[in-house]
Amino acid sequence: MNLTDEGDMEKLKEVMAVMSTEIPKLLESISKTMFSAENAAKLGEQTAEFYKKLKDAGMTDDQAFKLTQDFMANFSIGNMLGKIIGGARGGADDEIGDEIDKRIKKKIKDAMGDDDD
């Protein structure tokens, strides 16, 4: 997919406009849902139960702790967003991402007066 500079910029502006308004709303909604007192208590209980089951299965303290950390990371908003954004760059989106990367690098080279491509 080859896009013109102007077309790319317009699409990027549209995406950024949506992201700047919708992502904060989404994060607030997720935070309210996930981090209510009731949900926090449930998560604590689930985490403790997860750790206990790992220990009961014969894992060392270090092994159980590491896996429990990984388990807890699945409930981190930052981690979730990273997975979502990372997944969004798969497939056809890779070409767009690569093109954006190339253009950014070119702009930096141009700004620095570096002529070799």
N, C-alpha and C. Protein backbone atom coordinates (compact mmCIF):
# COMPACT_ATOMS: atom_id res chain seq x y z
N MET A 1 0.85 -1.18 0.00
CA MET A 1 0.00 0.00 0.00
C MET A 1 0.88 1.23 0.00
N ASN A 2 0.82 2.05 -1.03
CA ASN A 2 1.57 3.29 -1.12
C ASN A 2 0.63 4.45 -0.91
N LEU A 3 0.96 5.27 0.07
CA LEU A 3 0.13 6.42 0.38
C LEU A 3 0.91 7.68 0.10
N THR A 4 0.22 8.71 -0.31
CA THR A 4 0.89 9.98 -0.55
C THR A 4 1.23 10.63 0.78
N ASP A 5 2.20 11.54 0.75
CA ASP A 5 2.58 12.24 1.98
C ASP A 5 1.38 12.95 2.59
N GLU A 6 0.63 13.64 1.74
CA GLU A 6 -0.52 14.41 2.21
C GLU A 6 -1.59 13.47 2.77
N GLY A 7 -1.84 12.36 2.06
CA GLY A 7 -2.82 11.38 2.53
C GLY A 7 -2.40 10.75 3.85
N ASP A 8 -1.12 10.43 3.97
CA ASP A 8 -0.60 9.87 5.22
C ASP A 8 -0.79 10.84 6.37
N MET A 9 -0.47 12.08 6.13
CA MET A 9 -0.58 13.09 7.18
C MET A 9 -2.03 13.28 7.63
N GLU A 10 -2.94 13.29 6.67
CA GLU A 10 -4.36 13.45 7.01
C GLU A 10 -4.84 12.25 7.83
N LYS A 11 -4.46 11.05 7.41
CA LYS A 11 -4.86 9.85 8.15
C LYS A 11 -4.25 9.86 9.54
N LEU A 12 -2.99 10.25 9.63
CA LEU A 12 -2.33 10.31 10.93
C LEU A 12 -3.01 11.32 11.84
N LYS A 13 -3.38 12.48 11.28
CA LYS A 13 -4.09 13.50 12.06
C LYS A 13 -5.42 12.97 12.58
N GLU A 14 -6.14 12.26 11.74
CA GLU A 14 -7.43 11.69 12.14
C GLU A 14 -7.24 10.67 13.26
N VAL A 15 -6.27 9.80 13.09
CA VAL A 15 -6.00 8.77 14.11
C VAL A 15 -5.60 9.42 15.41
N MET A 16 -4.70 10.39 15.36
CA MET A 16 -4.25 11.06 16.58
C MET A 16 -5.38 11.81 17.26
N ALA A 17 -6.27 12.42 16.49
CA ALA A 17 -7.40 13.13 17.08
C ALA A 17 -8.31 12.17 17.83
N VAL A 18 -8.58 11.03 17.23
CA VAL A 18 -9.42 10.03 17.89
C VAL A 18 -8.72 9.50 19.13
N MET A 19 -7.43 9.19 18.98
CA MET A 19 -6.68 8.64 20.11
C MET A 19 -6.63 9.62 21.28
N SER A 20 -6.45 10.89 20.98
CA SER A 20 -6.31 11.88 22.05
C SER A 20 -7.59 12.07 22.85
N THR A 21 -8.73 11.77 22.26
CA THR A 21 -9.99 11.91 23.00
C THR A 21 -10.50 10.58 23.54
N GLU A 22 -10.33 9.53 22.77
CA GLU A 22 -10.91 8.24 23.16
C GLU A 22 -10.06 7.43 24.14
N ILE A 23 -8.74 7.48 23.99
CA ILE A 23 -7.89 6.70 24.89
C ILE A 23 -8.02 7.15 26.34
N PRO A 24 -8.01 8.45 26.64
CA PRO A 24 -8.21 8.84 28.04
C PRO A 24 -9.56 8.36 28.61
N LYS A 25 -10.60 8.40 27.79
CA LYS A 25 -11.91 7.91 28.24
C LYS A 25 -11.84 6.42 28.52
N LEU A 26 -11.20 5.68 27.63
CA LEU A 26 -11.06 4.24 27.78
C LEU A 26 -10.27 3.90 29.04
N LEU A 27 -9.16 4.58 29.25
CA LEU A 27 -8.34 4.33 30.44
C LEU A 27 -9.09 4.62 31.72
N GLU A 28 -9.85 5.70 31.72
CA GLU A 28 -10.64 6.04 32.91
C GLU A 28 -11.68 4.96 33.19
N SER A 29 -12.33 4.51 32.15
CA SER A 29 -13.34 3.46 32.30
C SER A 29 -12.72 2.16 32.81
N ILE A 30 -11.59 1.79 32.23
CA ILE A 30 -10.90 0.57 32.66
C ILE A 30 -10.46 0.69 34.12
N SER A 31 -9.90 1.84 34.45
CA SER A 31 -9.44 2.06 35.82
C SER A 31 -10.57 1.95 36.82
N LYS A 32 -11.69 2.58 36.51
CA LYS A 32 -12.84 2.53 37.42
C LYS A 32 -13.34 1.10 37.60
N THR A 33 -13.33 0.34 36.50
CA THR A 33 -13.82 -1.03 36.55
C THR A 33 -12.85 -1.94 37.28
N MET A 34 -11.59 -1.86 36.90
CA MET A 34 -10.60 -2.79 37.44
C MET A 34 -10.17 -2.47 38.87
N PHE A 35 -10.13 -1.21 39.21
CA PHE A 35 -9.54 -0.83 40.48
C PHE A 35 -10.55 -0.38 41.52
N SER A 36 -11.75 -0.88 41.42
CA SER A 36 -12.70 -0.63 42.48
C SER A 36 -12.25 -1.42 43.70
N ALA A 37 -12.71 -1.05 44.88
CA ALA A 37 -12.32 -1.75 46.10
C ALA A 37 -12.68 -3.24 46.03
N GLU A 38 -13.85 -3.51 45.48
CA GLU A 38 -14.30 -4.90 45.37
C GLU A 38 -13.40 -5.70 44.42
N ASN A 39 -13.11 -5.12 43.27
CA ASN A 39 -12.25 -5.82 42.30
C ASN A 39 -10.82 -5.97 42.81
N ALA A 40 -10.32 -4.97 43.52
CA ALA A 40 -8.98 -5.07 44.08
C ALA A 40 -8.91 -6.20 45.10
N ALA A 41 -9.94 -6.34 45.91
CA ALA A 41 -9.97 -7.42 46.89
C ALA A 41 -10.01 -8.78 46.20
N LYS A 42 -10.82 -8.89 45.14
CA LYS A 42 -10.90 -10.14 44.39
C LYS A 42 -9.56 -10.48 43.74
N LEU A 43 -8.89 -9.46 43.17
CA LEU A 43 -7.60 -9.68 42.54
C LEU A 43 -6.58 -10.15 43.57
N GLY A 44 -6.60 -9.56 44.74
CA GLY A 44 -5.69 -9.98 45.81
C GLY A 44 -5.93 -11.44 46.19
N GLU A 45 -7.19 -11.81 46.32
CA GLU A 45 -7.53 -13.19 46.66
C GLU A 45 -7.09 -14.15 45.55
N GLN A 46 -7.34 -13.77 44.29
CA GLN A 46 -6.96 -14.62 43.16
C GLN A 46 -5.44 -14.77 43.08
N THR A 47 -4.73 -13.70 43.35
CA THR A 47 -3.28 -13.74 43.28
C THR A 47 -2.73 -14.65 44.39
N ALA A 48 -3.26 -14.50 45.58
CA ALA A 48 -2.82 -15.35 46.69
C ALA A 48 -3.12 -16.82 46.40
N GLU A 49 -4.28 -17.09 45.84
CA GLU A 49 -4.66 -18.46 45.50
C GLU A 49 -3.75 -19.01 44.40
N PHE A 50 -3.43 -18.20 43.42
CA PHE A 50 -2.53 -18.58 42.34
C PHE A 50 -1.16 -18.97 42.92
N TYR A 51 -0.62 -18.12 43.78
CA TYR A 51 0.68 -18.39 44.40
C TYR A 51 0.62 -19.68 45.22
N LYS A 52 -0.43 -19.85 46.00
CA LYS A 52 -0.58 -21.04 46.85
C LYS A 52 -0.61 -22.31 46.00
N LYS A 53 -1.33 -22.28 44.89
CA LYS A 53 -1.41 -23.45 44.02
C LYS A 53 -0.06 -23.78 43.40
N LEU A 54 0.70 -22.76 43.06
CA LEU A 54 2.04 -23.00 42.52
C LEU A 54 2.93 -23.67 43.57
N LYS A 55 2.86 -23.18 44.80
CA LYS A 55 3.64 -23.75 45.89
C LYS A 55 3.19 -25.19 46.18
N ASP A 56 1.87 -25.41 46.19
CA ASP A 56 1.33 -26.75 46.43
C ASP A 56 1.77 -27.73 45.33
N ALA A 57 2.02 -27.20 44.13
CA ALA A 57 2.45 -28.04 43.02
C ALA A 57 3.94 -28.37 43.10
N GLY A 58 4.63 -27.80 44.09
CA GLY A 58 6.03 -28.15 44.30
C GLY A 58 7.03 -27.13 43.79
N MET A 59 6.58 -25.96 43.39
CA MET A 59 7.51 -24.95 42.91
C MET A 59 8.25 -24.30 44.08
N THR A 60 9.46 -23.81 43.78
CA THR A 60 10.22 -23.09 44.81
C THR A 60 9.58 -21.73 45.03
N ASP A 61 9.99 -21.08 46.11
CA ASP A 61 9.48 -19.73 46.38
C ASP A 61 9.78 -18.79 45.22
N ASP A 62 11.02 -18.87 44.70
CA ASP A 62 11.42 -17.99 43.59
C ASP A 62 10.59 -18.24 42.33
N GLN A 63 10.39 -19.52 42.00
CA GLN A 63 9.59 -19.86 40.81
C GLN A 63 8.16 -19.37 40.96
N ALA A 64 7.58 -19.63 42.11
CA ALA A 64 6.19 -19.23 42.36
C ALA A 64 6.06 -17.71 42.34
N PHE A 65 7.05 -17.02 42.92
CA PHE A 65 7.02 -15.56 42.95
C PHE A 65 7.09 -14.99 41.54
N LYS A 66 8.02 -15.52 40.73
CA LYS A 66 8.17 -15.03 39.35
C LYS A 66 6.88 -15.22 38.55
N LEU A 67 6.30 -16.41 38.63
CA LEU A 67 5.06 -16.67 37.89
C LEU A 67 3.91 -15.81 38.42
N THR A 68 3.91 -15.54 39.71
CA THR A 68 2.87 -14.69 40.29
C THR A 68 3.04 -13.26 39.81
N GLN A 69 4.29 -12.81 39.68
CA GLN A 69 4.53 -11.47 39.12
C GLN A 69 4.00 -11.40 37.69
N ASP A 70 4.28 -12.44 36.91
CA ASP A 70 3.78 -12.48 35.53
C ASP A 70 2.25 -12.47 35.51
N PHE A 71 1.65 -13.21 36.42
CA PHE A 71 0.19 -13.25 36.54
C PHE A 71 -0.34 -11.85 36.82
N MET A 72 0.28 -11.15 37.76
CA MET A 72 -0.17 -9.80 38.13
C MET A 72 0.04 -8.82 36.98
N ALA A 73 1.11 -9.01 36.19
CA ALA A 73 1.38 -8.10 35.07
C ALA A 73 0.25 -8.12 34.05
N ASN A 74 -0.47 -9.23 33.99
CA ASN A 74 -1.59 -9.32 33.05
C ASN A 74 -2.72 -8.35 33.41
N PHE A 75 -2.70 -7.84 34.63
CA PHE A 75 -3.75 -6.92 35.07
C PHE A 75 -3.26 -5.47 35.09
N SER A 76 -2.07 -5.22 34.58
CA SER A 76 -1.51 -3.87 34.51
C SER A 76 -2.06 -3.17 33.27
N ILE A 77 -2.57 -1.97 33.43
CA ILE A 77 -3.09 -1.22 32.29
C ILE A 77 -2.00 -0.96 31.27
N GLY A 78 -0.82 -0.61 31.74
CA GLY A 78 0.29 -0.37 30.82
C GLY A 78 0.63 -1.60 29.99
N ASN A 79 0.64 -2.74 30.65
CA ASN A 79 0.93 -3.99 29.95
C ASN A 79 -0.17 -4.31 28.95
N MET A 80 -1.41 -4.10 29.34
CA MET A 80 -2.52 -4.36 28.43
C MET A 80 -2.43 -3.48 27.18
N LEU A 81 -2.16 -2.20 27.40
CA LEU A 81 -2.05 -1.28 26.26
C LEU A 81 -0.88 -1.66 25.35
N GLY A 82 0.21 -2.07 25.96
CA GLY A 82 1.35 -2.50 25.16
C GLY A 82 1.01 -3.68 24.27
N LYS A 83 0.25 -4.61 24.82
CA LYS A 83 -0.15 -5.77 24.03
C LYS A 83 -1.13 -5.36 22.92
N ILE A 84 -2.03 -4.47 23.24
CA ILE A 84 -3.00 -4.01 22.25
C ILE A 84 -2.29 -3.28 21.12
N ILE A 85 -1.43 -2.35 21.48
CA ILE A 85 -0.71 -1.57 20.48
C ILE A 85 0.22 -2.47 19.68
N GLY A 86 0.92 -3.36 20.36
CA GLY A 86 1.80 -4.30 19.68
C GLY A 86 1.04 -5.18 18.71
N GLY A 87 -0.13 -5.63 19.11
CA GLY A 87 -0.95 -6.47 18.24
C GLY A 87 -1.50 -5.70 17.06
N ALA A 88 -1.74 -4.42 17.26
CA ALA A 88 -2.29 -3.60 16.18
C ALA A 88 -1.28 -3.38 15.07
N ARG A 89 0.01 -3.55 15.37
CA ARG A 89 1.03 -3.33 14.35
C ARG A 89 1.28 -4.56 13.51
N GLY A 90 0.58 -5.63 13.76
CA GLY A 90 0.78 -6.85 12.99
C GLY A 90 0.20 -6.74 11.59
N GLY A 91 0.63 -7.62 10.70
CA GLY A 91 0.04 -7.71 9.37
C GLY A 91 0.25 -6.48 8.53
N ALA A 92 -0.83 -6.00 7.92
CA ALA A 92 -0.77 -4.87 6.99
C ALA A 92 -0.31 -3.60 7.69
N ASP A 93 -0.57 -3.47 8.97
CA ASP A 93 -0.18 -2.28 9.70
C ASP A 93 1.34 -2.15 9.80
N ASP A 94 2.07 -3.27 9.66
CA ASP A 94 3.52 -3.21 9.69
C ASP A 94 4.05 -2.31 8.59
N GLU A 95 3.45 -2.38 7.41
CA GLU A 95 3.90 -1.58 6.28
C GLU A 95 3.73 -0.09 6.58
N ILE A 96 2.61 0.26 7.17
CA ILE A 96 2.37 1.67 7.52
C ILE A 96 3.35 2.11 8.59
N GLY A 97 3.54 1.26 9.62
CA GLY A 97 4.49 1.58 10.68
C GLY A 97 5.91 1.73 10.16
N ASP A 98 6.30 0.84 9.25
CA ASP A 98 7.63 0.93 8.65
C ASP A 98 7.78 2.21 7.85
N GLU A 99 6.74 2.57 7.11
CA GLU A 99 6.80 3.80 6.31
C GLU A 99 6.90 5.02 7.21
N ILE A 100 6.17 5.03 8.30
CA ILE A 100 6.25 6.14 9.25
C ILE A 100 7.66 6.22 9.83
N ASP A 101 8.22 5.06 10.21
CA ASP A 101 9.59 5.04 10.74
C ASP A 101 10.59 5.61 9.73
N LYS A 102 10.47 5.19 8.47
CA LYS A 102 11.37 5.68 7.41
C LYS A 102 11.28 7.19 7.28
N ARG A 103 10.05 7.69 7.28
CA ARG A 103 9.86 9.13 7.08
C ARG A 103 10.39 9.93 8.26
N ILE A 104 10.22 9.40 9.46
CA ILE A 104 10.75 10.09 10.64
C ILE A 104 12.27 10.15 10.56
N LYS A 105 12.88 9.01 10.21
CA LYS A 105 14.34 8.97 10.09
C LYS A 105 14.83 9.93 9.01
N LYS A 106 14.10 10.00 7.89
CA LYS A 106 14.48 10.90 6.80
C LYS A 106 14.38 12.35 7.26
N LYS A 107 13.32 12.69 7.97
CA LYS A 107 13.15 14.06 8.46
C LYS A 107 14.29 14.44 9.40
N ILE A 108 14.69 13.48 10.25
CA ILE A 108 15.79 13.75 11.18
C ILE A 108 17.08 13.96 10.41
N LYS A 109 17.34 13.09 9.42
CA LYS A 109 18.55 13.24 8.59
C LYS A 109 18.54 14.58 7.87
N ASP A 110 17.39 14.94 7.29
CA ASP A 110 17.27 16.21 6.58
C ASP A 110 17.54 17.38 7.52
N ALA A 111 16.98 17.31 8.70
CA ALA A 111 17.16 18.39 9.67
C ALA A 111 18.60 18.53 10.12
N MET A 112 19.31 17.41 10.12
CA MET A 112 20.71 17.43 10.55
C MET A 112 21.66 17.67 9.39
N GLY A 113 21.11 17.75 8.18
CA GLY A 113 21.93 17.99 7.00
C GLY A 113 22.71 16.77 6.55
N ASP A 114 22.24 15.60 6.91
CA ASP A 114 22.88 14.34 6.54
C ASP A 114 22.30 13.89 5.21
N ASP A 115 23.13 13.88 4.14
CA ASP A 115 22.63 13.60 2.81
C ASP A 115 22.67 12.13 2.40
N ASP A 116 23.46 11.28 3.06
CA ASP A 116 23.58 9.90 2.60
C ASP A 116 22.40 9.05 3.01
N ASP A 117 21.75 8.38 2.02
CA ASP A 117 20.58 7.52 2.26
C ASP A 117 20.97 6.09 2.03
